[in-house]
Amino acid sequence: MKTALKLGGIAGIVILISTYGTYFAYGDFSKITVDQLNSMETFGYLRYIIVLLAVYWGIKTVVKTAVALTFGALFMAGLQVVLVIAVIVGLMEYGYVQFWNPDFFDQYAKLAIQQLQNSGMTDAMIARAEEQMNALAWMRTPIITGLMYFIETFVVGVVGALLAAFFFRSKTKKAQA
């Protein structure tokens, strides 16, 4: 668990710094353009690379120190790292919407509609998209935002932990044979 806290904490802090660094770099969210939003979203995928690398290193650390290397032990090592990261990411996103930018969802909706208009959608299609956004208004809370990002990060990390555990387990089986 010590390794999970260390690696998960470091990865979580790197994600936090890169995310908030992006927000600072683009300035006031209410004034960004659709192209800037797309760029921010693309850069946001960096967090998943960080999650996967942290999981990999967490499992690799267990491989170096453990005596018995079962698939379950390797997977649990990755899962612990992911859990730490997912908590940090969930709290980060909660904090962003709750304290830093409470108008985020309105600003994001405005940009999404603008993007649809730029893509050449008809007024009827845009109206339908606005209706769908309004139907999901219950999700526009800081708690739901934090929970959704926690789940998203956790799912990506679980997949990474499964793949890394399988990789390291098959690698150690070959070395033992």
Foldseek 3Di string as FASTA:
>chain_A
DVLLLVLLVVLLVVLLCQLVVLDVVQDDLLPDALVSVVVSVVSNCVSLVSLLVSLLVQLVVCLVPPDDQDLVVQLVSLLSNLLSNLLSQLVSQLCCCVPVNVCVLVSVLVNVLVVCVVVPDDPVVSVVVVVVSVVCVVCSHSNNRSVVSSVVSSVSSSVSSNVSSVVVVVVVVVVVD
